[in-house]
Amino acid sequence: RKSTAHLPNVEIDSYHGLLADYVREKGAVAIC
């Protein structure tokens, strides 16, 4: 959060589980 505070369209989160499940949950179109 401190490192990206200057980027208004960046959010920070944490997750314990399959990345694919998180991607689906957030409706993401891509993994970078």
PDB file of all heavy atoms in Angstrom:
ATOM      1  N   ARG A   1       0.838  -1.214   0.000  1.00  0.00           N
ATOM      2  CA  ARG A   1       0.000   0.000   0.000  1.00  0.00           C
ATOM      3  C   ARG A   1       0.865   1.253   0.000  1.00  0.00           C
ATOM      4  O   ARG A   1       0.599   2.201  -0.737  1.00  0.00           O
ATOM      5  CB  ARG A   1      -0.949  -0.011   1.194  1.00  0.00           C
ATOM      6  CG  ARG A   1      -2.116  -0.935   0.994  1.00  0.00           C
ATOM      7  CD  ARG A   1      -3.237  -0.712   2.003  1.00  0.00           C
ATOM      8  NE  ARG A   1      -4.309  -1.626   1.689  1.00  0.00           N
ATOM      9  CZ  ARG A   1      -4.849  -2.491   2.532  1.00  0.00           C
ATOM     10  NH1 ARG A   1      -4.436  -2.537   3.793  1.00  0.00           N
ATOM     11  NH2 ARG A   1      -5.812  -3.295   2.142  1.00  0.00           N
ATOM     12  N   LYS A   2       1.901   1.271   0.827  1.00  0.00           N
ATOM     13  CA  LYS A   2       2.806   2.425   0.858  1.00  0.00           C
ATOM     14  C   LYS A   2       3.503   2.606  -0.492  1.00  0.00           C
ATOM     15  O   LYS A   2       3.669   3.727  -0.967  1.00  0.00           O
ATOM     16  CB  LYS A   2       3.886   2.239   1.938  1.00  0.00           C
ATOM     17  CG  LYS A   2       3.430   2.449   3.348  1.00  0.00           C
ATOM     18  CD  LYS A   2       4.634   2.267   4.278  1.00  0.00           C
ATOM     19  CE  LYS A   2       4.316   2.480   5.714  1.00  0.00           C
ATOM     20  NZ  LYS A   2       5.510   2.331   6.570  1.00  0.00           N
ATOM     21  N   SER A   3       3.913   1.499  -1.092  1.00  0.00           N
ATOM     22  CA  SER A   3       4.693   1.538  -2.334  1.00  0.00           C
ATOM     23  C   SER A   3       3.870   1.933  -3.548  1.00  0.00           C
ATOM     24  O   SER A   3       4.433   2.367  -4.552  1.00  0.00           O
ATOM     25  CB  SER A   3       5.327   0.166  -2.597  1.00  0.00           C
ATOM     26  OG  SER A   3       6.165  -0.200  -1.545  1.00  0.00           O
ATOM     27  N   THR A   4       2.562   1.743  -3.471  1.00  0.00           N
ATOM     28  CA  THR A   4       1.704   2.014  -4.639  1.00  0.00           C
ATOM     29  C   THR A   4       0.669   3.109  -4.361  1.00  0.00           C
ATOM     30  O   THR A   4      -0.259   3.291  -5.149  1.00  0.00           O
ATOM     31  CB  THR A   4       0.976   0.733  -5.091  1.00  0.00           C
ATOM     32  OG1 THR A   4       0.151   0.255  -4.020  1.00  0.00           O
ATOM     33  CG2 THR A   4       1.962  -0.345  -5.516  1.00  0.00           C
ATOM     34  N   ALA A   5       0.820   3.833  -3.273  1.00  0.00           N
ATOM     35  CA  ALA A   5      -0.158   4.861  -2.893  1.00  0.00           C
ATOM     36  C   ALA A   5      -0.347   5.906  -3.982  1.00  0.00           C
ATOM     37  O   ALA A   5      -1.425   6.508  -4.092  1.00  0.00           O
ATOM     38  CB  ALA A   5       0.259   5.523  -1.581  1.00  0.00           C
ATOM     39  N   HIS A   6       0.655   6.121  -4.811  1.00  0.00           N
ATOM     40  CA  HIS A   6       0.590   7.118  -5.883  1.00  0.00           C
ATOM     41  C   HIS A   6      -0.193   6.619  -7.107  1.00  0.00           C
ATOM     42  O   HIS A   6      -0.403   7.373  -8.054  1.00  0.00           O
ATOM     43  CB  HIS A   6       2.006   7.519  -6.305  1.00  0.00           C
ATOM     44  CG  HIS A   6       2.786   6.398  -6.910  1.00  0.00           C
ATOM     45  ND1 HIS A   6       3.238   5.315  -6.166  1.00  0.00           N
ATOM     46  CD2 HIS A   6       3.176   6.165  -8.187  1.00  0.00           C
ATOM     47  CE1 HIS A   6       3.881   4.479  -6.967  1.00  0.00           C
ATOM     48  NE2 HIS A   6       3.864   4.971  -8.196  1.00  0.00           N
ATOM     49  N   LEU A   7      -0.628   5.375  -7.097  1.00  0.00           N
ATOM     50  CA  LEU A   7      -1.345   4.781  -8.230  1.00  0.00           C
ATOM     51  C   LEU A   7      -2.820   4.627  -7.858  1.00  0.00           C
ATOM     52  O   LEU A   7      -3.188   3.696  -7.135  1.00  0.00           O
ATOM     53  CB  LEU A   7      -0.735   3.419  -8.587  1.00  0.00           C
ATOM     54  CG  LEU A   7       0.744   3.428  -8.957  1.00  0.00           C
ATOM     55  CD1 LEU A   7       1.296   2.007  -9.027  1.00  0.00           C
ATOM     56  CD2 LEU A   7       0.949   4.159 -10.281  1.00  0.00           C
ATOM     57  N   PRO A   8      -3.681   5.523  -8.343  1.00  0.00           N
ATOM     58  CA  PRO A   8      -5.080   5.538  -7.884  1.00  0.00           C
ATOM     59  C   PRO A   8      -5.908   4.300  -8.268  1.00  0.00           C
ATOM     60  O   PRO A   8      -6.897   4.011  -7.610  1.00  0.00           O
ATOM     61  CB  PRO A   8      -5.656   6.797  -8.535  1.00  0.00           C
ATOM     62  CG  PRO A   8      -4.768   7.102  -9.683  1.00  0.00           C
ATOM     63  CD  PRO A   8      -3.405   6.583  -9.297  1.00  0.00           C
ATOM     64  N   ASN A   9      -5.504   3.592  -9.293  1.00  0.00           N
ATOM     65  CA  ASN A   9      -6.285   2.424  -9.722  1.00  0.00           C
ATOM     66  C   ASN A   9      -5.718   1.097  -9.210  1.00  0.00           C
ATOM     67  O   ASN A   9      -6.103   0.038  -9.684  1.00  0.00           O
ATOM     68  CB  ASN A   9      -6.426   2.396 -11.243  1.00  0.00           C
ATOM     69  CG  ASN A   9      -5.109   2.239 -11.966  1.00  0.00           C
ATOM     70  OD1 ASN A   9      -4.062   2.663 -11.473  1.00  0.00           O
ATOM     71  ND2 ASN A   9      -5.145   1.643 -13.142  1.00  0.00           N
ATOM     72  N   VAL A  10      -4.832   1.166  -8.227  1.00  0.00           N
ATOM     73  CA  VAL A  10      -4.231  -0.045  -7.663  1.00  0.00           C
ATOM     74  C   VAL A  10      -4.792  -0.291  -6.268  1.00  0.00           C
ATOM     75  O   VAL A  10      -4.815   0.608  -5.428  1.00  0.00           O
ATOM     76  CB  VAL A  10      -2.690   0.064  -7.610  1.00  0.00           C
ATOM     77  CG1 VAL A  10      -2.084  -1.116  -6.866  1.00  0.00           C
ATOM     78  CG2 VAL A  10      -2.129   0.157  -9.020  1.00  0.00           C
ATOM     79  N   GLU A  11      -5.250  -1.523  -6.057  1.00  0.00           N
ATOM     80  CA  GLU A  11      -5.724  -1.979  -4.753  1.00  0.00           C
ATOM     81  C   GLU A  11      -4.782  -3.073  -4.265  1.00  0.00           C
ATOM     82  O   GLU A  11      -4.151  -3.750  -5.072  1.00  0.00           O
ATOM     83  CB  GLU A  11      -7.129  -2.577  -4.861  1.00  0.00           C
ATOM     84  CG  GLU A  11      -8.169  -1.658  -5.434  1.00  0.00           C
ATOM     85  CD  GLU A  11      -9.473  -2.390  -5.754  1.00  0.00           C
ATOM     86  OE1 GLU A  11      -9.745  -3.462  -5.163  1.00  0.00           O
ATOM     87  OE2 GLU A  11     -10.206  -1.900  -6.612  1.00  0.00           O
ATOM     88  N   ILE A  12      -4.739  -3.249  -2.968  1.00  0.00           N
ATOM     89  CA  ILE A  12      -3.893  -4.294  -2.374  1.00  0.00           C
ATOM     90  C   ILE A  12      -4.795  -5.232  -1.577  1.00  0.00           C
ATOM     91  O   ILE A  12      -5.698  -4.787  -0.867  1.00  0.00           O
ATOM     92  CB  ILE A  12      -2.824  -3.690  -1.437  1.00  0.00           C
ATOM     93  CG1 ILE A  12      -2.065  -2.536  -2.105  1.00  0.00           C
ATOM     94  CG2 ILE A  12      -1.883  -4.783  -0.937  1.00  0.00           C
ATOM     95  CD1 ILE A  12      -1.356  -2.887  -3.387  1.00  0.00           C
ATOM     96  N   ASP A  13      -4.534  -6.520  -1.701  1.00  0.00           N
ATOM     97  CA  ASP A  13      -5.322  -7.510  -0.982  1.00  0.00           C
ATOM     98  C   ASP A  13      -4.412  -8.700  -0.668  1.00  0.00           C
ATOM     99  O   ASP A  13      -3.288  -8.785  -1.177  1.00  0.00           O
ATOM    100  CB  ASP A  13      -6.513  -7.952  -1.844  1.00  0.00           C
ATOM    101  CG  ASP A  13      -7.640  -8.593  -1.036  1.00  0.00           C
ATOM    102  OD1 ASP A  13      -7.534  -8.693   0.207  1.00  0.00           O
ATOM    103  OD2 ASP A  13      -8.644  -8.998  -1.662  1.00  0.00           O
ATOM    104  N   SER A  14      -4.891  -9.604   0.165  1.00  0.00           N
ATOM    105  CA  SER A  14      -4.188 -10.863   0.414  1.00  0.00           C
ATOM    106  C   SER A  14      -5.201 -11.987   0.307  1.00  0.00           C
ATOM    107  O   SER A  14      -6.412 -11.771   0.460  1.00  0.00           O
ATOM    108  CB  SER A  14      -3.509 -10.863   1.789  1.00  0.00           C
ATOM    109  OG  SER A  14      -4.467 -10.802   2.819  1.00  0.00           O
ATOM    110  N   TYR A  15      -4.693 -13.186   0.014  1.00  0.00           N
ATOM    111  CA  TYR A  15      -5.594 -14.313  -0.214  1.00  0.00           C
ATOM    112  C   TYR A  15      -4.884 -15.613   0.097  1.00  0.00           C
ATOM    113  O   TYR A  15      -3.717 -15.800  -0.243  1.00  0.00           O
ATOM    114  CB  TYR A  15      -6.055 -14.301  -1.679  1.00  0.00           C
ATOM    115  CG  TYR A  15      -7.121 -15.313  -2.008  1.00  0.00           C
ATOM    116  CD1 TYR A  15      -8.418 -15.153  -1.534  1.00  0.00           C
ATOM    117  CD2 TYR A  15      -6.830 -16.420  -2.805  1.00  0.00           C
ATOM    118  CE1 TYR A  15      -9.404 -16.076  -1.852  1.00  0.00           C
ATOM    119  CE2 TYR A  15      -7.814 -17.335  -3.122  1.00  0.00           C
ATOM    120  CZ  TYR A  15      -9.101 -17.154  -2.640  1.00  0.00           C
ATOM    121  OH  TYR A  15     -10.075 -18.067  -2.959  1.00  0.00           O
ATOM    122  N   HIS A  16      -5.633 -16.507   0.729  1.00  0.00           N
ATOM    123  CA  HIS A  16      -5.141 -17.852   1.028  1.00  0.00           C
ATOM    124  C   HIS A  16      -6.060 -18.810   0.283  1.00  0.00           C
ATOM    125  O   HIS A  16      -7.210 -18.990   0.663  1.00  0.00           O
ATOM    126  CB  HIS A  16      -5.192 -18.104   2.533  1.00  0.00           C
ATOM    127  CG  HIS A  16      -4.616 -19.427   2.918  1.00  0.00           C
ATOM    128  ND1 HIS A  16      -5.350 -20.591   2.866  1.00  0.00           N
ATOM    129  CD2 HIS A  16      -3.389 -19.767   3.352  1.00  0.00           C
ATOM    130  CE1 HIS A  16      -4.592 -21.595   3.255  1.00  0.00           C
ATOM    131  NE2 HIS A  16      -3.394 -21.116   3.560  1.00  0.00           N
ATOM    132  N   GLY A  17      -5.567 -19.353  -0.792  1.00  0.00           N
ATOM    133  CA  GLY A  17      -6.374 -20.260  -1.607  1.00  0.00           C
ATOM    134  C   GLY A  17      -5.882 -20.252  -3.036  1.00  0.00           C
ATOM    135  O   GLY A  17      -4.818 -19.715  -3.346  1.00  0.00           O
ATOM    136  N   LEU A  18      -6.686 -20.846  -3.916  1.00  0.00           N
ATOM    137  CA  LEU A  18      -6.312 -20.904  -5.331  1.00  0.00           C
ATOM    138  C   LEU A  18      -6.447 -19.541  -5.992  1.00  0.00           C
ATOM    139  O   LEU A  18      -7.494 -18.893  -5.879  1.00  0.00           O
ATOM    140  CB  LEU A  18      -7.200 -21.894  -6.083  1.00  0.00           C
ATOM    141  CG  LEU A  18      -6.902 -23.371  -5.940  1.00  0.00           C
ATOM    142  CD1 LEU A  18      -7.951 -24.185  -6.697  1.00  0.00           C
ATOM    143  CD2 LEU A  18      -5.512 -23.686  -6.453  1.00  0.00           C
ATOM    144  N   LEU A  19      -5.414 -19.136  -6.678  1.00  0.00           N
ATOM    145  CA  LEU A  19      -5.445 -17.871  -7.405  1.00  0.00           C
ATOM    146  C   LEU A  19      -6.624 -17.845  -8.371  1.00  0.00           C
ATOM    147  O   LEU A  19      -7.302 -16.824  -8.508  1.00  0.00           O
ATOM    148  CB  LEU A  19      -4.123 -17.657  -8.158  1.00  0.00           C
ATOM    149  CG  LEU A  19      -4.041 -16.424  -9.046  1.00  0.00           C
ATOM    150  CD1 LEU A  19      -4.260 -15.141  -8.236  1.00  0.00           C
ATOM    151  CD2 LEU A  19      -2.707 -16.400  -9.777  1.00  0.00           C
ATOM    152  N   ALA A  20      -6.898 -18.955  -9.030  1.00  0.00           N
ATOM    153  CA  ALA A  20      -8.007 -19.025  -9.993  1.00  0.00           C
ATOM    154  C   ALA A  20      -9.338 -18.664  -9.338  1.00  0.00           C
ATOM    155  O   ALA A  20     -10.170 -17.969  -9.943  1.00  0.00           O
ATOM    156  CB  ALA A  20      -8.075 -20.410 -10.617  1.00  0.00           C
ATOM    157  N   ASP A  21      -9.539 -19.107  -8.112  1.00  0.00           N
ATOM    158  CA  ASP A  21     -10.787 -18.772  -7.400  1.00  0.00           C
ATOM    159  C   ASP A  21     -10.877 -17.279  -7.137  1.00  0.00           C
ATOM    160  O   ASP A  21     -11.937 -16.665  -7.287  1.00  0.00           O
ATOM    161  CB  ASP A  21     -10.873 -19.548  -6.072  1.00  0.00           C
ATOM    162  CG  ASP A  21     -11.063 -21.038  -6.278  1.00  0.00           C
ATOM    163  OD1 ASP A  21     -11.533 -21.458  -7.364  1.00  0.00           O
ATOM    164  OD2 ASP A  21     -10.727 -21.801  -5.338  1.00  0.00           O
ATOM    165  N   TYR A  22      -9.765 -16.678  -6.752  1.00  0.00           N
ATOM    166  CA  TYR A  22      -9.737 -15.238  -6.491  1.00  0.00           C
ATOM    167  C   TYR A  22     -10.000 -14.451  -7.773  1.00  0.00           C
ATOM    168  O   TYR A  22     -10.761 -13.485  -7.775  1.00  0.00           O
ATOM    169  CB  TYR A  22      -8.387 -14.834  -5.877  1.00  0.00           C
ATOM    170  CG  TYR A  22      -8.339 -13.393  -5.442  1.00  0.00           C
ATOM    171  CD1 TYR A  22      -8.759 -13.018  -4.175  1.00  0.00           C
ATOM    172  CD2 TYR A  22      -7.873 -12.404  -6.305  1.00  0.00           C
ATOM    173  CE1 TYR A  22      -8.723 -11.704  -3.768  1.00  0.00           C
ATOM    174  CE2 TYR A  22      -7.835 -11.078  -5.912  1.00  0.00           C
ATOM    175  CZ  TYR A  22      -8.266 -10.735  -4.635  1.00  0.00           C
ATOM    176  OH  TYR A  22      -8.243  -9.419  -4.241  1.00  0.00           O
ATOM    177  N   VAL A  23      -9.374 -14.871  -8.856  1.00  0.00           N
ATOM    178  CA  VAL A  23      -9.553 -14.210 -10.154  1.00  0.00           C
ATOM    179  C   VAL A  23     -11.033 -14.226 -10.543  1.00  0.00           C
ATOM    180  O   VAL A  23     -11.603 -13.210 -10.952  1.00  0.00           O
ATOM    181  CB  VAL A  23      -8.679 -14.894 -11.238  1.00  0.00           C
ATOM    182  CG1 VAL A  23      -9.062 -14.439 -12.632  1.00  0.00           C
ATOM    183  CG2 VAL A  23      -7.204 -14.628 -10.961  1.00  0.00           C
ATOM    184  N   ARG A  24     -11.653 -15.366 -10.398  1.00  0.00           N
ATOM    185  CA  ARG A  24     -13.075 -15.506 -10.726  1.00  0.00           C
ATOM    186  C   ARG A  24     -13.925 -14.626  -9.803  1.00  0.00           C
ATOM    187  O   ARG A  24     -14.829 -13.924 -10.254  1.00  0.00           O
ATOM    188  CB  ARG A  24     -13.500 -16.966 -10.617  1.00  0.00           C
ATOM    189  CG  ARG A  24     -14.899 -17.230 -11.142  1.00  0.00           C
ATOM    190  CD  ARG A  24     -15.276 -18.709 -11.128  1.00  0.00           C
ATOM    191  NE  ARG A  24     -14.484 -19.451 -12.112  1.00  0.00           N
ATOM    192  CZ  ARG A  24     -13.529 -20.338 -11.804  1.00  0.00           C
ATOM    193  NH1 ARG A  24     -13.251 -20.613 -10.548  1.00  0.00           N
ATOM    194  NH2 ARG A  24     -12.863 -20.964 -12.745  1.00  0.00           N
ATOM    195  N   GLU A  25     -13.633 -14.664  -8.502  1.00  0.00           N
ATOM    196  CA  GLU A  25     -14.381 -13.874  -7.513  1.00  0.00           C
ATOM    197  C   GLU A  25     -14.347 -12.379  -7.831  1.00  0.00           C
ATOM    198  O   GLU A  25     -15.335 -11.673  -7.673  1.00  0.00           O
ATOM    199  CB  GLU A  25     -13.781 -14.144  -6.131  1.00  0.00           C
ATOM    200  CG  GLU A  25     -14.367 -13.356  -4.989  1.00  0.00           C
ATOM    201  CD  GLU A  25     -13.612 -13.598  -3.689  1.00  0.00           C
ATOM    202  OE1 GLU A  25     -13.299 -14.770  -3.396  1.00  0.00           O
ATOM    203  OE2 GLU A  25     -13.330 -12.616  -2.979  1.00  0.00           O
ATOM    204  N   LYS A  26     -13.198 -11.897  -8.298  1.00  0.00           N
ATOM    205  CA  LYS A  26     -13.028 -10.466  -8.582  1.00  0.00           C
ATOM    206  C   LYS A  26     -13.435 -10.088 -10.016  1.00  0.00           C
ATOM    207  O   LYS A  26     -13.424  -8.913 -10.372  1.00  0.00           O
ATOM    208  CB  LYS A  26     -11.579 -10.037  -8.340  1.00  0.00           C
ATOM    209  CG  LYS A  26     -11.164 -10.146  -6.885  1.00  0.00           C
ATOM    210  CD  LYS A  26     -12.005  -9.236  -5.999  1.00  0.00           C
ATOM    211  CE  LYS A  26     -11.602  -9.332  -4.548  1.00  0.00           C
ATOM    212  NZ  LYS A  26     -12.366  -8.445  -3.683  1.00  0.00           N
ATOM    213  N   GLY A  27     -13.761 -11.089 -10.824  1.00  0.00           N
ATOM    214  CA  GLY A  27     -14.142 -10.801 -12.210  1.00  0.00           C
ATOM    215  C   GLY A  27     -12.986 -10.287 -13.047  1.00  0.00           C
ATOM    216  O   GLY A  27     -13.191  -9.528 -13.995  1.00  0.00           O
ATOM    217  N   ALA A  28     -11.776 -10.702 -12.722  1.00  0.00           N
ATOM    218  CA  ALA A  28     -10.587 -10.232 -13.449  1.00  0.00           C
ATOM    219  C   ALA A  28     -10.526 -10.859 -14.841  1.00  0.00           C
ATOM    220  O   ALA A  28     -10.926 -12.007 -15.029  1.00  0.00           O
ATOM    221  CB  ALA A  28      -9.325 -10.564 -12.666  1.00  0.00           C
ATOM    222  N   VAL A  29      -9.994 -10.088 -15.780  1.00  0.00           N
ATOM    223  CA  VAL A  29      -9.830 -10.590 -17.150  1.00  0.00           C
ATOM    224  C   VAL A  29      -8.433 -11.151 -17.367  1.00  0.00           C
ATOM    225  O   VAL A  29      -8.185 -11.826 -18.356  1.00  0.00           O
ATOM    226  CB  VAL A  29     -10.129  -9.509 -18.212  1.00  0.00           C
ATOM    227  CG1 VAL A  29     -11.572  -9.024 -18.100  1.00  0.00           C
ATOM    228  CG2 VAL A  29      -9.150  -8.338 -18.113  1.00  0.00           C
ATOM    229  N   ALA A  30      -7.516 -10.860 -16.422  1.00  0.00           N
ATOM    230  CA  ALA A  30      -6.136 -11.299 -16.627  1.00  0.00           C
ATOM    231  C   ALA A  30      -5.381 -11.412 -15.312  1.00  0.00           C
ATOM    232  O   ALA A  30      -5.758 -10.828 -14.297  1.00  0.00           O
ATOM    233  CB  ALA A  30      -5.399 -10.330 -17.551  1.00  0.00           C
ATOM    234  N   ILE A  31      -4.306 -12.190 -15.393  1.00  0.00           N
ATOM    235  CA  ILE A  31      -3.307 -12.322 -14.337  1.00  0.00           C
ATOM    236  C   ILE A  31      -2.019 -11.774 -14.946  1.00  0.00           C
ATOM    237  O   ILE A  31      -1.650 -12.152 -16.055  1.00  0.00           O
ATOM    238  CB  ILE A  31      -3.113 -13.798 -13.945  1.00  0.00           C
ATOM    239  CG1 ILE A  31      -4.414 -14.396 -13.418  1.00  0.00           C
ATOM    240  CG2 ILE A  31      -1.969 -13.946 -12.935  1.00  0.00           C
ATOM    241  CD1 ILE A  31      -4.424 -15.919 -13.374  1.00  0.00           C
ATOM    242  N   CYS A  32      -1.357 -10.879 -14.246  1.00  0.00           N
ATOM    243  CA  CYS A  32      -0.128 -10.272 -14.758  1.00  0.00           C
ATOM    244  C   CYS A  32       1.057 -10.737 -13.923  1.00  0.00           C
ATOM    245  O   CYS A  32       1.061 -10.591 -12.699  1.00  0.00           O
ATOM    246  CB  CYS A  32      -0.241  -8.750 -14.706  1.00  0.00           C
ATOM    247  SG  CYS A  32       1.241  -7.902 -15.274  1.00  0.00           S
TER     248      CYS A  32
END
